[in-house]
């Protein structure tokens, strides 16, 4: 009975995290939040926070952009943390379980988007033609709940009830050197997560700043907080310079900025 109650609470946590579709981008779906909730439900909030921080680094670049949909990190984080705490395993095991679970649940989520959500969308279109705003709102709420929240909640609860004994047997059969390898992977995956994020951010205009931060951290041994302070100061200096030039800089024919006197370089057009 206790296990059934835990499964229900985990399902409710997953449904709450999926509430971003209703409440907006509140970051409830991030592993740092979901793993902490799972740790609280499992009776080990400290381990939940630790696992959440680790999974957050691994999934730091997982955002939906256009048609590119990342793994379903909510169920992966909650179930990975719950299984790891229930079996007394390490953060490496939570990470190893969370990523494949997230990928598998994404398949189910996409099926719900394809076969369940369109019904409510078409109904909302019909209400829109009739000018029925209440009907549109009702379809929005029902569509989100029945095609996203409820299926994810059922998956999380069922997976925990069915999977705990199975996961325990699987983990008992894993050799010690494999667990050690998972620990090494735990340290590598955050770097992969940051690489995914940098792939979206880095371009020829700002690459020099990332190189500058890397040099400060690696060669000058500046802590991460110090690198952040350097970056903030540099950003303020550059944006302040650009603002000053726009407000007070001389213009030519009142439309084009005049060239500077030192070599004819127009600093407003330079890329920093």
Protein backbone atom coordinates (compact mmCIF):
# COMPACT_ATOMS: atom_id res chain seq x y z
CA UNK A 1 0.00 0.00 0.00
CA UNK A 2 2.87 2.35 0.82
CA UNK A 3 4.40 1.72 -2.61
CA UNK A 4 1.06 2.51 -4.26
CA UNK A 5 0.85 5.82 -2.37
CA UNK A 6 4.42 6.68 -3.42
CA UNK A 7 3.54 5.95 -7.05
CA UNK A 8 0.54 8.29 -6.85
CA UNK A 9 2.66 11.09 -5.35
CA UNK A 10 5.32 10.66 -8.04
CA UNK A 11 2.61 10.80 -10.70
CA UNK A 12 1.22 14.03 -9.18
CA UNK A 13 4.73 15.52 -9.15
CA UNK A 14 5.11 14.67 -12.85
CA UNK A 15 1.73 16.20 -13.63
CA UNK A 16 2.63 19.36 -11.71
CA UNK A 17 5.90 19.67 -13.64
CA UNK A 18 3.95 19.37 -16.90
CA UNK A 19 1.86 22.32 -15.73
CA UNK A 20 4.23 24.60 -17.61
CA UNK A 21 1.89 24.21 -20.57
CA UNK A 22 -0.78 25.89 -18.44
CA UNK A 23 1.18 28.22 -16.14
CA UNK A 24 3.89 29.30 -18.58
CA UNK A 25 7.66 28.85 -18.42
CA UNK A 26 8.00 28.49 -14.65
CA UNK A 27 10.91 26.00 -14.88
CA UNK A 28 8.90 23.41 -12.93
CA UNK A 29 9.94 20.82 -15.51
CA UNK A 30 13.69 21.17 -14.89
CA UNK A 31 15.43 18.21 -13.19
CA UNK A 32 16.56 20.40 -10.28
CA UNK A 33 12.89 20.80 -9.34
CA UNK A 34 11.51 17.40 -10.31
CA UNK A 35 14.33 15.41 -8.69
CA UNK A 36 13.99 17.42 -5.50
CA UNK A 37 10.26 16.63 -5.41
CA UNK A 38 11.01 12.95 -6.07
CA UNK A 39 13.60 12.95 -3.27
CA UNK A 40 11.07 14.53 -0.90
CA UNK A 41 8.50 11.86 -1.79
CA UNK A 42 11.05 9.06 -1.42
CA UNK A 43 12.18 10.37 1.98
CA UNK A 44 15.68 11.52 0.95
CA UNK A 45 15.47 15.13 -0.18
CA UNK A 46 19.24 15.64 0.06
CA UNK A 47 19.91 12.86 -2.44
CA UNK A 48 17.10 14.22 -4.61
CA UNK A 49 18.79 17.64 -4.76
CA UNK A 50 22.16 16.06 -5.60
CA UNK A 51 20.65 13.94 -8.37
CA UNK A 52 18.68 16.93 -9.62
CA UNK A 53 21.84 19.03 -9.94
CA UNK A 54 23.58 16.22 -11.84
CA UNK A 55 20.68 15.63 -14.22
CA UNK A 56 20.25 19.38 -14.69
CA UNK A 57 23.79 19.59 -16.03
CA UNK A 58 23.15 16.68 -18.35
CA UNK A 59 19.90 18.18 -19.67
CA UNK A 60 20.97 21.84 -19.60
CA UNK A 61 20.69 22.07 -23.39
CA UNK A 62 17.41 20.18 -23.65
CA UNK A 63 14.88 22.69 -24.90
CA UNK A 64 12.23 22.33 -27.57
CA UNK A 65 13.20 24.45 -30.58
CA UNK A 66 10.90 24.30 -33.60
CA UNK A 67 10.31 20.69 -34.58
CA UNK A 68 13.24 19.47 -32.48
CA UNK A 69 11.80 17.95 -29.29
CA UNK A 70 14.24 16.84 -26.55
CA UNK A 71 13.71 13.71 -24.40
CA UNK A 72 10.88 13.87 -21.85
CA UNK A 73 13.06 14.96 -18.96
CA UNK A 74 10.24 15.15 -16.40
CA UNK A 75 9.46 11.43 -16.24
CA UNK A 76 13.12 10.54 -16.76
CA UNK A 77 14.24 12.69 -13.84
CA UNK A 78 11.47 11.59 -11.46
CA UNK A 79 11.69 7.86 -12.22
CA UNK A 80 15.49 7.83 -12.38
CA UNK A 81 15.70 9.51 -8.97
CA UNK A 82 12.96 7.36 -7.45
CA UNK A 83 14.52 4.10 -8.66
CA UNK A 84 18.00 5.12 -7.55
CA UNK A 85 16.85 6.11 -4.04
CA UNK A 86 14.58 3.06 -3.70
CA UNK A 87 17.43 0.71 -4.56
CA UNK A 88 20.07 2.62 -2.60
CA UNK A 89 22.19 3.31 -5.66
CA UNK A 90 24.32 6.32 -6.62
CA UNK A 91 23.71 9.39 -8.74
CA UNK A 92 25.37 7.61 -11.68
CA UNK A 93 22.60 5.03 -11.70
CA UNK A 94 19.93 7.77 -11.61
CA UNK A 95 21.54 9.35 -14.65
CA UNK A 96 21.89 6.03 -16.45
CA UNK A 97 18.20 5.25 -15.83
CA UNK A 98 16.85 8.73 -16.42
CA UNK A 99 18.12 9.26 -19.97
CA UNK A 100 16.67 6.09 -21.58
CA UNK A 101 13.41 6.50 -19.65
CA UNK A 102 13.13 10.08 -20.95
CA UNK A 103 13.70 8.90 -24.52
CA UNK A 104 11.09 6.13 -24.28
CA UNK A 105 8.43 8.35 -22.69
CA UNK A 106 9.00 10.91 -25.46
CA UNK A 107 7.68 8.31 -27.93
CA UNK A 108 4.47 7.93 -25.92
CA UNK A 109 4.14 11.70 -25.58
CA UNK A 110 4.46 12.16 -29.34
CA UNK A 111 1.77 9.50 -29.91
CA UNK A 112 -0.54 11.45 -27.61
CA UNK A 113 0.19 14.61 -29.57
CA UNK A 114 -0.65 12.82 -32.82
CA UNK A 115 -3.76 10.84 -31.83
CA UNK A 116 -5.30 12.60 -28.80
CA UNK A 117 -4.56 16.33 -28.99
CA UNK A 118 -5.91 16.92 -32.55
CA UNK A 119 -9.46 16.08 -31.42
CA UNK A 120 -9.45 18.97 -28.94
CA UNK A 121 -7.76 21.28 -31.44
CA UNK A 122 -10.48 20.68 -34.04
CA UNK A 123 -13.17 21.16 -31.41
CA UNK A 124 -11.54 24.45 -30.43
CA UNK A 125 -11.57 25.50 -34.09
CA UNK A 126 -15.28 24.76 -34.24
CA UNK A 127 -15.95 26.82 -31.11
CA UNK A 128 -13.83 29.65 -32.57
CA UNK A 129 -16.05 29.77 -35.66
CA UNK A 130 -19.07 29.96 -33.36
CA UNK A 131 -17.47 32.68 -31.24
CA UNK A 132 -17.66 30.47 -28.16
CA UNK A 133 -14.70 31.59 -26.02
CA UNK A 134 -15.68 29.35 -23.10
CA UNK A 135 -15.63 26.33 -25.35
CA UNK A 136 -12.17 27.25 -26.62
CA UNK A 137 -10.87 27.60 -23.05
CA UNK A 138 -12.46 24.28 -22.09
CA UNK A 139 -10.83 22.49 -25.03
CA UNK A 140 -7.47 24.03 -24.12
CA UNK A 141 -7.67 22.77 -20.55
CA UNK A 142 -9.06 19.35 -21.41
CA UNK A 143 -6.66 18.87 -24.30
CA UNK A 144 -3.63 19.68 -22.17
CA UNK A 145 -4.79 17.48 -19.30
CA UNK A 146 -5.85 14.44 -21.33
CA UNK A 147 -3.05 14.51 -23.91
CA UNK A 148 -0.12 15.53 -21.66
CA UNK A 149 -0.68 15.58 -17.90
CA UNK A 150 -2.78 12.46 -17.41
CA UNK A 151 -0.77 10.14 -19.73
CA UNK A 152 2.53 11.20 -18.15
CA UNK A 153 1.09 10.71 -14.65
CA UNK A 154 -0.16 7.22 -15.54
CA UNK A 155 3.19 6.30 -17.10
CA UNK A 156 5.16 7.45 -14.05
CA UNK A 157 2.88 5.71 -11.53
CA UNK A 158 2.71 2.45 -13.51
CA UNK A 159 6.44 2.41 -14.23
CA UNK A 160 7.28 2.86 -10.56
CA UNK A 161 4.89 0.11 -9.42
CA UNK A 162 6.03 -2.35 -12.08
CA UNK A 163 9.63 -1.29 -12.36
CA UNK A 164 10.95 -1.25 -8.79
CA UNK A 165 11.47 -5.02 -8.44
CA UNK A 166 12.63 -5.32 -12.04
CA UNK A 167 15.10 -2.46 -11.68
CA UNK A 168 16.42 -3.93 -8.44
CA UNK A 169 17.10 -7.29 -10.11
CA UNK A 170 18.76 -5.58 -13.06
CA UNK A 171 21.01 -3.49 -10.82
CA UNK A 172 21.98 -6.53 -8.75
CA UNK A 173 23.13 -8.25 -11.93
CA UNK A 174 25.30 -5.34 -13.09
CA UNK A 175 29.03 -5.92 -12.42
CA UNK A 176 30.90 -3.45 -10.22
CA UNK A 177 33.11 -2.21 -13.07
CA UNK A 178 30.00 -1.19 -15.04
CA UNK A 179 28.76 0.87 -12.09
CA UNK A 180 32.21 2.49 -11.94
CA UNK A 181 31.95 3.27 -15.66
CA UNK A 182 28.57 4.88 -15.07
CA UNK A 183 30.23 7.08 -12.47
CA UNK A 184 32.73 8.27 -15.09
CA UNK A 185 29.89 8.89 -17.54
CA UNK A 186 28.20 11.00 -14.90
CA UNK A 187 31.12 13.39 -15.12
CA UNK A 188 31.14 13.42 -18.93
CA UNK A 189 27.44 13.93 -19.61
CA UNK A 190 27.27 17.42 -18.04
CA UNK A 191 29.96 18.46 -20.52
CA UNK A 192 27.81 17.02 -23.30
CA UNK A 193 24.84 18.99 -21.99
CA UNK A 194 26.82 22.21 -22.04
CA UNK A 195 28.03 21.38 -25.56
CA UNK A 196 24.41 21.13 -26.73
CA UNK A 197 23.70 24.52 -25.18
CA UNK A 198 26.80 26.11 -26.71
CA UNK A 199 25.84 24.75 -30.12
CA UNK A 200 22.79 27.00 -29.97
CA UNK A 201 24.61 30.03 -28.58
CA UNK A 202 28.09 30.24 -30.09
CA UNK A 203 28.65 32.21 -33.30
CA UNK A 204 31.47 34.25 -34.79
CA UNK A 205 30.34 37.34 -32.88
CA UNK A 206 30.59 35.92 -29.38
CA UNK A 207 33.01 32.97 -29.68
CA UNK A 208 35.88 35.12 -28.38
CA UNK A 209 34.09 35.58 -25.06
CA UNK A 210 33.78 31.83 -24.51
CA UNK A 211 37.49 31.43 -25.29
CA UNK A 212 38.24 34.25 -22.84
CA UNK A 213 36.22 32.55 -20.09
CA UNK A 214 37.88 29.22 -20.79
CA UNK A 215 41.34 30.80 -20.54
CA UNK A 216 40.45 32.48 -17.25
CA UNK A 217 39.18 29.22 -15.72
CA UNK A 218 41.85 26.83 -17.02
CA UNK A 219 45.08 28.83 -17.20
CA UNK A 220 44.54 31.56 -14.59
CA UNK A 221 42.56 29.29 -12.22
CA UNK A 222 39.81 31.86 -11.77
CA UNK A 223 36.73 30.33 -10.04
CA UNK A 224 33.43 30.14 -11.88
CA UNK A 225 32.06 33.04 -9.85
CA UNK A 226 35.05 35.15 -10.85
CA UNK A 227 34.57 34.30 -14.52
CA UNK A 228 30.91 35.31 -14.22
CA UNK A 229 31.93 38.65 -12.66
CA UNK A 230 34.47 39.28 -15.45
CA UNK A 231 31.81 38.47 -18.04
CA UNK A 232 29.21 40.75 -16.42
CA UNK A 233 31.64 43.65 -16.22
CA UNK A 234 32.74 43.16 -19.82
CA UNK A 235 29.12 43.04 -20.99
CA UNK A 236 28.31 46.26 -19.10
CA UNK A 237 31.36 48.00 -20.56
CA UNK A 238 30.53 47.02 -24.15
CA UNK A 239 26.79 47.74 -23.92
CA UNK A 240 27.49 51.01 -22.12
CA UNK A 241 29.93 52.05 -24.86
CA UNK A 242 27.42 51.24 -27.57
CA UNK A 243 24.68 53.18 -25.76
CA UNK A 244 26.97 56.19 -25.30
CA UNK A 245 27.86 56.25 -28.99
CA UNK A 246 24.20 56.00 -29.99
CA UNK A 247 23.15 58.82 -27.64
CA UNK A 248 26.01 61.28 -28.01
CA UNK A 249 28.00 60.32 -31.09
CA UNK A 250 28.22 62.84 -33.93
CA UNK A 251 26.28 62.06 -37.05
CA UNK A 252 26.77 62.83 -40.70
CA UNK A 253 23.72 64.31 -42.46
CA UNK A 254 21.75 63.37 -39.30
CA UNK A 255 21.30 59.83 -40.64
CA UNK A 256 24.65 58.05 -40.80
CA UNK A 257 27.14 57.92 -37.94
CA UNK A 258 30.32 59.85 -38.68
CA UNK A 259 33.62 58.01 -38.96
CA UNK A 260 36.00 58.33 -36.07
CA UNK A 261 39.10 60.44 -36.50
CA UNK A 262 41.52 57.63 -35.63
CA UNK A 263 42.02 55.82 -38.92
CA UNK A 264 38.45 56.11 -40.15
CA UNK A 265 37.22 53.13 -38.10
CA UNK A 266 33.56 53.14 -37.21
CA UNK A 267 33.40 51.30 -33.90
CA UNK A 268 29.63 51.00 -34.00
CA UNK A 269 29.93 48.60 -36.91
CA UNK A 270 32.64 46.51 -35.30
CA UNK A 271 31.71 43.08 -33.91
CA UNK A 272 32.70 42.51 -30.28
